[in-house]
All heavy atoms as atom14 arrays in JSON, in Angstrom:
{
  "sequence": "GLPIESKSITVEKAMVKWMKEIQHEMKVQTGKEIPEHEVMKA",
  "atom14_mask": [
    [1, 1, 1, 1, 0, 0, 0, 0, 0, 0, 0, 0, 0, 0],
    [1, 1, 1, 1, 1, 1, 1, 1, 0, 0, 0, 0, 0, 0],
    [1, 1, 1, 1, 1, 1, 1, 0, 0, 0, 0, 0, 0, 0],
    [1, 1, 1, 1, 1, 1, 1, 1, 0, 0, 0, 0, 0, 0],
    [1, 1, 1, 1, 1, 1, 1, 1, 1, 0, 0, 0, 0, 0],
    [1, 1, 1, 1, 1, 1, 0, 0, 0, 0, 0, 0, 0, 0],
    [1, 1, 1, 1, 1, 1, 1, 1, 1, 0, 0, 0, 0, 0],
    [1, 1, 1, 1, 1, 1, 0, 0, 0, 0, 0, 0, 0, 0],
    [1, 1, 1, 1, 1, 1, 1, 1, 0, 0, 0, 0, 0, 0],
    [1, 1, 1, 1, 1, 1, 1, 0, 0, 0, 0, 0, 0, 0],
    [1, 1, 1, 1, 1, 1, 1, 0, 0, 0, 0, 0, 0, 0],
    [1, 1, 1, 1, 1, 1, 1, 1, 1, 0, 0, 0, 0, 0],
    [1, 1, 1, 1, 1, 1, 1, 1, 1, 0, 0, 0, 0, 0],
    [1, 1, 1, 1, 1, 0, 0, 0, 0, 0, 0, 0, 0, 0],
    [1, 1, 1, 1, 1, 1, 1, 1, 0, 0, 0, 0, 0, 0],
    [1, 1, 1, 1, 1, 1, 1, 0, 0, 0, 0, 0, 0, 0],
    [1, 1, 1, 1, 1, 1, 1, 1, 1, 0, 0, 0, 0, 0],
    [1, 1, 1, 1, 1, 1, 1, 1, 1, 1, 1, 1, 1, 1],
    [1, 1, 1, 1, 1, 1, 1, 1, 0, 0, 0, 0, 0, 0],
    [1, 1, 1, 1, 1, 1, 1, 1, 1, 0, 0, 0, 0, 0],
    [1, 1, 1, 1, 1, 1, 1, 1, 1, 0, 0, 0, 0, 0],
    [1, 1, 1, 1, 1, 1, 1, 1, 0, 0, 0, 0, 0, 0],
    [1, 1, 1, 1, 1, 1, 1, 1, 1, 0, 0, 0, 0, 0],
    [1, 1, 1, 1, 1, 1, 1, 1, 1, 1, 0, 0, 0, 0],
    [1, 1, 1, 1, 1, 1, 1, 1, 1, 0, 0, 0, 0, 0],
    [1, 1, 1, 1, 1, 1, 1, 1, 0, 0, 0, 0, 0, 0],
    [1, 1, 1, 1, 1, 1, 1, 1, 1, 0, 0, 0, 0, 0],
    [1, 1, 1, 1, 1, 1, 1, 0, 0, 0, 0, 0, 0, 0],
    [1, 1, 1, 1, 1, 1, 1, 1, 1, 0, 0, 0, 0, 0],
    [1, 1, 1, 1, 1, 1, 1, 0, 0, 0, 0, 0, 0, 0],
    [1, 1, 1, 1, 0, 0, 0, 0, 0, 0, 0, 0, 0, 0],
    [1, 1, 1, 1, 1, 1, 1, 1, 1, 0, 0, 0, 0, 0],
    [1, 1, 1, 1, 1, 1, 1, 1, 1, 0, 0, 0, 0, 0],
    [1, 1, 1, 1, 1, 1, 1, 1, 0, 0, 0, 0, 0, 0],
    [1, 1, 1, 1, 1, 1, 1, 0, 0, 0, 0, 0, 0, 0],
    [1, 1, 1, 1, 1, 1, 1, 1, 1, 0, 0, 0, 0, 0],
    [1, 1, 1, 1, 1, 1, 1, 1, 1, 1, 0, 0, 0, 0],
    [1, 1, 1, 1, 1, 1, 1, 1, 1, 0, 0, 0, 0, 0],
    [1, 1, 1, 1, 1, 1, 1, 0, 0, 0, 0, 0, 0, 0],
    [1, 1, 1, 1, 1, 1, 1, 1, 0, 0, 0, 0, 0, 0],
    [1, 1, 1, 1, 1, 1, 1, 1, 1, 0, 0, 0, 0, 0],
    [1, 1, 1, 1, 1, 0, 0, 0, 0, 0, 0, 0, 0, 0]
  ],
  "atom14_positions": [
    [[0.77, -1.23, 0.0], [0.0, 0.0, 0.0], [0.8, 1.28, 0.0], [0.22, 2.37, 0.01], [0.0, 0.0, 0.0], [0.0, 0.0, 0.0], [0.0, 0.0, 0.0], [0.0, 0.0, 0.0], [0.0, 0.0, 0.0], [0.0, 0.0, 0.0], [0.0, 0.0, 0.0], [0.0, 0.0, 0.0], [0.0, 0.0, 0.0], [0.0, 0.0, 0.0]],
    [[2.14, 1.19, 0.0], [2.98, 2.38, 0.03], [3.85, 2.43, -1.24], [4.49, 1.44, -1.59], [3.89, 2.38, 1.26], [3.19, 2.47, 2.62], [4.21, 2.32, 3.74], [2.47, 3.81, 2.75], [0.0, 0.0, 0.0], [0.0, 0.0, 0.0], [0.0, 0.0, 0.0], [0.0, 0.0, 0.0], [0.0, 0.0, 0.0], [0.0, 0.0, 0.0]],
    [[3.87, 3.58, -1.92], [4.73, 3.7, -3.1], [6.21, 3.71, -2.69], [6.59, 4.36, -1.71], [4.31, 5.03, -3.71], [3.74, 5.81, -2.59], [3.11, 4.81, -1.65], [0.0, 0.0, 0.0], [0.0, 0.0, 0.0], [0.0, 0.0, 0.0], [0.0, 0.0, 0.0], [0.0, 0.0, 0.0], [0.0, 0.0, 0.0], [0.0, 0.0, 0.0]],
    [[7.04, 2.99, -3.42], [8.48, 2.95, -3.17], [9.15, 3.8, -4.24], [9.29, 3.37, -5.39], [9.01, 1.5, -3.21], [8.18, 0.6, -2.29], [10.48, 1.48, -2.83], [8.19, 1.01, -0.83], [0.0, 0.0, 0.0], [0.0, 0.0, 0.0], [0.0, 0.0, 0.0], [0.0, 0.0, 0.0], [0.0, 0.0, 0.0], [0.0, 0.0, 0.0]],
    [[9.55, 5.01, -3.86], [10.02, 5.96, -4.85], [11.3, 5.5, -5.54], [11.5, 5.73, -6.73], [10.25, 7.32, -4.19], [10.5, 8.44, -5.19], [10.37, 9.82, -4.57], [9.99, 9.91, -3.38], [10.62, 10.79, -5.28], [0.0, 0.0, 0.0], [0.0, 0.0, 0.0], [0.0, 0.0, 0.0], [0.0, 0.0, 0.0], [0.0, 0.0, 0.0]],
    [[12.18, 4.81, -4.82], [13.45, 4.37, -5.4], [13.25, 3.32, -6.48], [14.13, 3.09, -7.31], [14.37, 3.82, -4.31], [13.78, 2.69, -3.68], [0.0, 0.0, 0.0], [0.0, 0.0, 0.0], [0.0, 0.0, 0.0], [0.0, 0.0, 0.0], [0.0, 0.0, 0.0], [0.0, 0.0, 0.0], [0.0, 0.0, 0.0], [0.0, 0.0, 0.0]],
    [[12.08, 2.67, -6.49], [11.8, 1.65, -7.5], [10.78, 2.13, -8.53], [10.28, 1.34, -9.33], [11.27, 0.37, -6.82], [12.31, -0.34, -5.96], [11.75, -1.66, -5.44], [12.78, -2.44, -4.63], [12.25, -3.74, -4.16], [0.0, 0.0, 0.0], [0.0, 0.0, 0.0], [0.0, 0.0, 0.0], [0.0, 0.0, 0.0], [0.0, 0.0, 0.0]],
    [[10.46, 3.42, -8.51], [9.48, 4.0, -9.44], [10.22, 4.82, -10.48], [11.17, 5.54, -10.16], [8.47, 4.86, -8.68], [7.79, 4.09, -7.69], [0.0, 0.0, 0.0], [0.0, 0.0, 0.0], [0.0, 0.0, 0.0], [0.0, 0.0, 0.0], [0.0, 0.0, 0.0], [0.0, 0.0, 0.0], [0.0, 0.0, 0.0], [0.0, 0.0, 0.0]],
    [[9.78, 4.71, -11.73], [10.52, 5.34, -12.83], [9.55, 5.97, -13.83], [8.34, 5.73, -13.8], [11.4, 4.32, -13.58], [10.51, 3.2, -14.19], [12.46, 3.73, -12.67], [11.25, 2.25, -15.09], [0.0, 0.0, 0.0], [0.0, 0.0, 0.0], [0.0, 0.0, 0.0], [0.0, 0.0, 0.0], [0.0, 0.0, 0.0], [0.0, 0.0, 0.0]],
    [[10.1, 6.78, -14.71], [9.37, 7.3, -15.87], [10.11, 6.84, -17.12], [11.33, 6.98, -17.22], [9.28, 8.83, -15.85], [8.48, 9.23, -14.71], [8.61, 9.35, -17.11], [0.0, 0.0, 0.0], [0.0, 0.0, 0.0], [0.0, 0.0, 0.0], [0.0, 0.0, 0.0], [0.0, 0.0, 0.0], [0.0, 0.0, 0.0], [0.0, 0.0, 0.0]],
    [[9.36, 6.24, -18.05], [9.94, 5.71, -19.28], [9.55, 6.62, -20.44], [8.39, 7.03, -20.56], [9.44, 4.27, -19.54], [9.99, 3.72, -20.84], [9.81, 3.36, -18.37], [0.0, 0.0, 0.0], [0.0, 0.0, 0.0], [0.0, 0.0, 0.0], [0.0, 0.0, 0.0], [0.0, 0.0, 0.0], [0.0, 0.0, 0.0], [0.0, 0.0, 0.0]],
    [[10.5, 6.92, -21.32], [10.23, 7.82, -22.45], [9.58, 7.06, -23.62], [10.06, 7.1, -24.75], [11.54, 8.48, -22.91], [12.19, 9.37, -21.86], [11.32, 10.55, -21.48], [10.65, 11.11, -22.38], [11.3, 10.91, -20.29], [0.0, 0.0, 0.0], [0.0, 0.0, 0.0], [0.0, 0.0, 0.0], [0.0, 0.0, 0.0], [0.0, 0.0, 0.0]],
    [[8.52, 6.36, -23.31], [7.73, 5.68, -24.33], [6.27, 5.97, -24.02], [5.82, 5.77, -22.88], [7.98, 4.17, -24.32], [9.38, 3.77, -24.73], [9.57, 2.26, -24.79], [10.97, 1.91, -25.28], [11.18, 0.45, -25.36], [0.0, 0.0, 0.0], [0.0, 0.0, 0.0], [0.0, 0.0, 0.0], [0.0, 0.0, 0.0], [0.0, 0.0, 0.0]],
    [[5.53, 6.44, -25.03], [4.14, 6.81, -24.76], [3.37, 6.96, -26.06], [3.91, 6.82, -27.15], [4.11, 8.11, -23.95], [0.0, 0.0, 0.0], [0.0, 0.0, 0.0], [0.0, 0.0, 0.0], [0.0, 0.0, 0.0], [0.0, 0.0, 0.0], [0.0, 0.0, 0.0], [0.0, 0.0, 0.0], [0.0, 0.0, 0.0], [0.0, 0.0, 0.0]],
    [[2.08, 7.27, -25.93], [1.16, 7.15, -27.06], [1.46, 8.12, -28.21], [1.4, 7.73, -29.37], [-0.28, 7.36, -26.57], [-0.84, 6.21, -25.76], [-0.8, 4.63, -26.64], [-1.81, 5.02, -28.07], [0.0, 0.0, 0.0], [0.0, 0.0, 0.0], [0.0, 0.0, 0.0], [0.0, 0.0, 0.0], [0.0, 0.0, 0.0], [0.0, 0.0, 0.0]],
    [[1.72, 9.39, -27.92], [1.93, 10.34, -29.02], [3.16, 9.94, -29.83], [3.13, 9.96, -31.08], [2.08, 11.78, -28.48], [2.5, 12.73, -29.6], [0.75, 12.26, -27.88], [0.0, 0.0, 0.0], [0.0, 0.0, 0.0], [0.0, 0.0, 0.0], [0.0, 0.0, 0.0], [0.0, 0.0, 0.0], [0.0, 0.0, 0.0], [0.0, 0.0, 0.0]],
    [[4.24, 9.57, -29.15], [5.44, 9.14, -29.85], [5.16, 7.89, -30.68], [5.6, 7.78, -31.83], [6.56, 8.87, -28.84], [7.88, 8.47, -29.5], [8.97, 8.25, -28.47], [10.29, 7.87, -29.13], [11.37, 7.65, -28.14], [0.0, 0.0, 0.0], [0.0, 0.0, 0.0], [0.0, 0.0, 0.0], [0.0, 0.0, 0.0], [0.0, 0.0, 0.0]],
    [[4.4, 6.95, -30.11], [4.06, 5.73, -30.84], [3.22, 6.05, -32.07], [3.43, 5.48, -33.14], [3.31, 4.77, -29.94], [4.16, 4.13, -28.88], [5.52, 4.13, -28.81], [3.71, 3.4, -27.74], [5.94, 3.45, -27.71], [4.86, 2.99, -27.03], [2.45, 3.06, -27.25], [4.78, 2.24, -25.85], [2.38, 2.32, -26.07], [3.52, 1.91, -25.38]],
    [[2.27, 6.96, -31.93], [1.42, 7.32, -33.07], [2.26, 7.9, -34.2], [2.06, 7.59, -35.38], [0.35, 8.33, -32.65], [-0.72, 7.78, -31.7], [-1.73, 6.45, -32.41], [-1.03, 5.03, -31.55], [0.0, 0.0, 0.0], [0.0, 0.0, 0.0], [0.0, 0.0, 0.0], [0.0, 0.0, 0.0], [0.0, 0.0, 0.0], [0.0, 0.0, 0.0]],
    [[3.23, 8.77, -33.85], [4.09, 9.37, -34.87], [4.95, 8.31, -35.55], [5.15, 8.33, -36.78], [4.98, 10.44, -34.23], [4.23, 11.67, -33.72], [3.51, 12.4, -34.85], [2.8, 13.63, -34.36], [1.97, 14.26, -35.44], [0.0, 0.0, 0.0], [0.0, 0.0, 0.0], [0.0, 0.0, 0.0], [0.0, 0.0, 0.0], [0.0, 0.0, 0.0]],
    [[5.47, 7.38, -34.77], [6.3, 6.31, -35.33], [5.48, 5.41, -36.25], [5.95, 4.98, -37.32], [6.94, 5.5, -34.21], [8.0, 6.27, -33.44], [8.51, 5.53, -32.22], [7.9, 4.51, -31.83], [9.53, 5.97, -31.65], [0.0, 0.0, 0.0], [0.0, 0.0, 0.0], [0.0, 0.0, 0.0], [0.0, 0.0, 0.0], [0.0, 0.0, 0.0]],
    [[4.25, 5.13, -35.85], [3.38, 4.29, -36.69], [3.01, 5.02, -37.98], [3.0, 4.42, -39.06], [2.12, 3.88, -35.89], [2.51, 2.86, -34.81], [1.05, 3.3, -36.82], [1.38, 2.53, -33.85], [0.0, 0.0, 0.0], [0.0, 0.0, 0.0], [0.0, 0.0, 0.0], [0.0, 0.0, 0.0], [0.0, 0.0, 0.0], [0.0, 0.0, 0.0]],
    [[2.72, 6.31, -37.89], [2.42, 7.09, -39.09], [3.6, 7.06, -40.06], [3.42, 6.9, -41.28], [2.1, 8.54, -38.72], [0.71, 8.75, -38.13], [0.48, 10.2, -37.76], [1.05, 10.72, -36.81], [-0.36, 10.86, -38.53], [0.0, 0.0, 0.0], [0.0, 0.0, 0.0], [0.0, 0.0, 0.0], [0.0, 0.0, 0.0], [0.0, 0.0, 0.0]],
    [[4.8, 7.19, -39.52], [6.0, 7.16, -40.37], [6.16, 5.78, -41.02], [6.43, 5.69, -42.23], [7.24, 7.48, -39.53], [8.53, 7.32, -40.28], [8.94, 8.21, -41.25], [9.49, 6.36, -40.22], [10.1, 7.82, -41.74], [10.46, 6.7, -41.14], [0.0, 0.0, 0.0], [0.0, 0.0, 0.0], [0.0, 0.0, 0.0], [0.0, 0.0, 0.0]],
    [[5.98, 4.72, -40.23], [6.14, 3.37, -40.77], [5.07, 3.05, -41.8], [5.34, 2.38, -42.81], [6.11, 2.36, -39.62], [6.44, 0.92, -40.03], [7.83, 0.77, -40.62], [8.72, 1.57, -40.27], [8.01, -0.13, -41.46], [0.0, 0.0, 0.0], [0.0, 0.0, 0.0], [0.0, 0.0, 0.0], [0.0, 0.0, 0.0], [0.0, 0.0, 0.0]],
    [[3.85, 3.55, -41.57], [2.78, 3.33, -42.55], [3.1, 4.06, -43.86], [2.79, 3.56, -44.94], [1.45, 3.82, -41.99], [0.88, 2.95, -40.87], [0.48, 1.27, -41.4], [-0.95, 1.58, -42.46], [0.0, 0.0, 0.0], [0.0, 0.0, 0.0], [0.0, 0.0, 0.0], [0.0, 0.0, 0.0], [0.0, 0.0, 0.0], [0.0, 0.0, 0.0]],
    [[3.71, 5.23, -43.74], [4.12, 5.98, -44.94], [5.15, 5.17, -45.73], [5.1, 5.08, -46.97], [4.69, 7.33, -44.52], [5.31, 8.15, -45.65], [4.29, 8.68, -46.63], [4.94, 9.64, -47.6], [3.99, 10.16, -48.61], [0.0, 0.0, 0.0], [0.0, 0.0, 0.0], [0.0, 0.0, 0.0], [0.0, 0.0, 0.0], [0.0, 0.0, 0.0]],
    [[6.09, 4.55, -45.0], [7.13, 3.74, -45.65], [6.52, 2.52, -46.33], [6.86, 2.18, -47.47], [8.19, 3.3, -44.61], [9.15, 2.28, -45.22], [8.95, 4.51, -44.08], [0.0, 0.0, 0.0], [0.0, 0.0, 0.0], [0.0, 0.0, 0.0], [0.0, 0.0, 0.0], [0.0, 0.0, 0.0], [0.0, 0.0, 0.0], [0.0, 0.0, 0.0]],
    [[5.57, 1.85, -45.63], [5.03, 0.59, -46.14], [3.94, 0.77, -47.19], [3.78, -0.07, -48.08], [4.5, -0.26, -44.99], [5.57, -0.75, -44.03], [5.09, -1.88, -43.15], [4.25, -2.68, -43.54], [5.62, -1.96, -41.93], [0.0, 0.0, 0.0], [0.0, 0.0, 0.0], [0.0, 0.0, 0.0], [0.0, 0.0, 0.0], [0.0, 0.0, 0.0]],
    [[3.18, 1.84, -47.1], [2.03, 2.01, -48.01], [2.15, 3.2, -48.94], [1.41, 3.3, -49.91], [0.73, 2.16, -47.19], [0.73, 3.42, -46.51], [0.57, 1.03, -46.18], [0.0, 0.0, 0.0], [0.0, 0.0, 0.0], [0.0, 0.0, 0.0], [0.0, 0.0, 0.0], [0.0, 0.0, 0.0], [0.0, 0.0, 0.0], [0.0, 0.0, 0.0]],
    [[3.06, 4.13, -48.61], [3.15, 5.35, -49.4], [2.06, 6.35, -49.09], [1.95, 7.37, -49.78], [0.0, 0.0, 0.0], [0.0, 0.0, 0.0], [0.0, 0.0, 0.0], [0.0, 0.0, 0.0], [0.0, 0.0, 0.0], [0.0, 0.0, 0.0], [0.0, 0.0, 0.0], [0.0, 0.0, 0.0], [0.0, 0.0, 0.0], [0.0, 0.0, 0.0]],
    [[1.26, 6.09, -48.08], [0.12, 6.95, -47.74], [0.35, 7.69, -46.42], [0.95, 7.16, -45.49], [-1.17, 6.12, -47.62], [-1.5, 5.29, -48.85], [-1.85, 6.14, -50.05], [-2.29, 5.27, -51.23], [-2.6, 6.09, -52.43], [0.0, 0.0, 0.0], [0.0, 0.0, 0.0], [0.0, 0.0, 0.0], [0.0, 0.0, 0.0], [0.0, 0.0, 0.0]],
    [[-0.15, 8.93, -46.38], [-0.16, 9.69, -45.13], [-1.43, 9.34, -44.36], [-2.54, 9.65, -44.79], [-0.14, 11.2, -45.42], [1.11, 11.67, -46.16], [2.3, 11.85, -45.24], [2.14, 11.66, -44.02], [3.38, 12.2, -45.75], [0.0, 0.0, 0.0], [0.0, 0.0, 0.0], [0.0, 0.0, 0.0], [0.0, 0.0, 0.0], [0.0, 0.0, 0.0]],
    [[-1.28, 8.67, -43.23], [-2.43, 8.25, -42.43], [-2.64, 9.25, -41.29], [-1.73, 9.44, -40.47], [-2.23, 6.84, -41.85], [-1.79, 5.86, -42.94], [-3.52, 6.37, -41.17], [-2.78, 5.67, -44.05], [0.0, 0.0, 0.0], [0.0, 0.0, 0.0], [0.0, 0.0, 0.0], [0.0, 0.0, 0.0], [0.0, 0.0, 0.0], [0.0, 0.0, 0.0]],
    [[-3.8, 9.91, -41.21], [-4.03, 10.88, -40.13], [-3.96, 10.21, -38.75], [-4.33, 9.04, -38.6], [-5.46, 11.39, -40.41], [-5.71, 11.07, -41.85], [-4.95, 9.82, -42.13], [0.0, 0.0, 0.0], [0.0, 0.0, 0.0], [0.0, 0.0, 0.0], [0.0, 0.0, 0.0], [0.0, 0.0, 0.0], [0.0, 0.0, 0.0], [0.0, 0.0, 0.0]],
    [[-3.51, 10.97, -37.78], [-3.36, 10.44, -36.43], [-4.68, 9.91, -35.89], [-4.72, 8.88, -35.22], [-2.8, 11.51, -35.5], [-2.52, 11.03, -34.08], [-1.91, 12.09, -33.2], [-0.77, 12.49, -33.46], [-2.58, 12.54, -32.25], [0.0, 0.0, 0.0], [0.0, 0.0, 0.0], [0.0, 0.0, 0.0], [0.0, 0.0, 0.0], [0.0, 0.0, 0.0]],
    [[-5.79, 10.63, -36.17], [-7.07, 10.18, -35.62], [-7.51, 8.84, -36.21], [-8.18, 8.06, -35.55], [-8.16, 11.25, -35.8], [-8.55, 11.49, -37.22], [-7.92, 12.41, -38.02], [-9.53, 10.93, -38.0], [-8.47, 12.42, -39.22], [-9.44, 11.53, -39.24], [0.0, 0.0, 0.0], [0.0, 0.0, 0.0], [0.0, 0.0, 0.0], [0.0, 0.0, 0.0]],
    [[-7.1, 8.54, -37.45], [-7.43, 7.25, -38.04], [-6.57, 6.14, -37.44], [-7.03, 5.02, -37.24], [-7.27, 7.29, -39.56], [-8.33, 8.11, -40.28], [-9.72, 7.49, -40.2], [-9.84, 6.28, -39.91], [-10.7, 8.23, -40.43], [0.0, 0.0, 0.0], [0.0, 0.0, 0.0], [0.0, 0.0, 0.0], [0.0, 0.0, 0.0], [0.0, 0.0, 0.0]],
    [[-5.32, 6.47, -37.15], [-4.46, 5.5, -36.47], [-5.04, 5.16, -35.1], [-5.09, 4.0, -34.69], [-3.02, 6.05, -36.32], [-2.16, 5.09, -35.5], [-2.39, 6.29, -37.68], [0.0, 0.0, 0.0], [0.0, 0.0, 0.0], [0.0, 0.0, 0.0], [0.0, 0.0, 0.0], [0.0, 0.0, 0.0], [0.0, 0.0, 0.0], [0.0, 0.0, 0.0]],
    [[-5.52, 6.21, -34.4], [-6.08, 5.98, -33.06], [-7.36, 5.16, -33.13], [-7.59, 4.29, -32.27], [-6.34, 7.33, -32.38], [-6.76, 7.2, -30.92], [-5.52, 6.39, -29.88], [-4.29, 7.67, -29.79], [0.0, 0.0, 0.0], [0.0, 0.0, 0.0], [0.0, 0.0, 0.0], [0.0, 0.0, 0.0], [0.0, 0.0, 0.0], [0.0, 0.0, 0.0]],
    [[-8.19, 5.41, -34.12], [-9.41, 4.59, -34.28], [-9.07, 3.13, -34.47], [-9.7, 2.24, -33.89], [-10.23, 5.1, -35.47], [-10.99, 6.4, -35.23], [-11.78, 6.79, -36.48], [-12.5, 8.11, -36.3], [-13.22, 8.51, -37.54], [0.0, 0.0, 0.0], [0.0, 0.0, 0.0], [0.0, 0.0, 0.0], [0.0, 0.0, 0.0], [0.0, 0.0, 0.0]],
    [[-8.06, 2.87, -35.31], [-7.64, 1.48, -35.52], [-7.11, 0.87, -34.23], [-7.41, -0.28, -33.9], [-6.58, 1.43, -36.61], [0.0, 0.0, 0.0], [0.0, 0.0, 0.0], [0.0, 0.0, 0.0], [0.0, 0.0, 0.0], [0.0, 0.0, 0.0], [0.0, 0.0, 0.0], [0.0, 0.0, 0.0], [0.0, 0.0, 0.0], [0.0, 0.0, 0.0]]
  ]
}
C-alpha cells in the first residue's frame, strides 16, 4: 500500500510518440499519409 520511490521510474515511451512512429512506418510501407485520428481509431 505504500509507493516505493526508489523503485518507481518514468519511461520515455508513450502514445503520441508511438502514433508518430506508426504514421512514419505506414508511410514507408504504403506510401500513404495516415491521419493520427485514423491511427487511433484502428
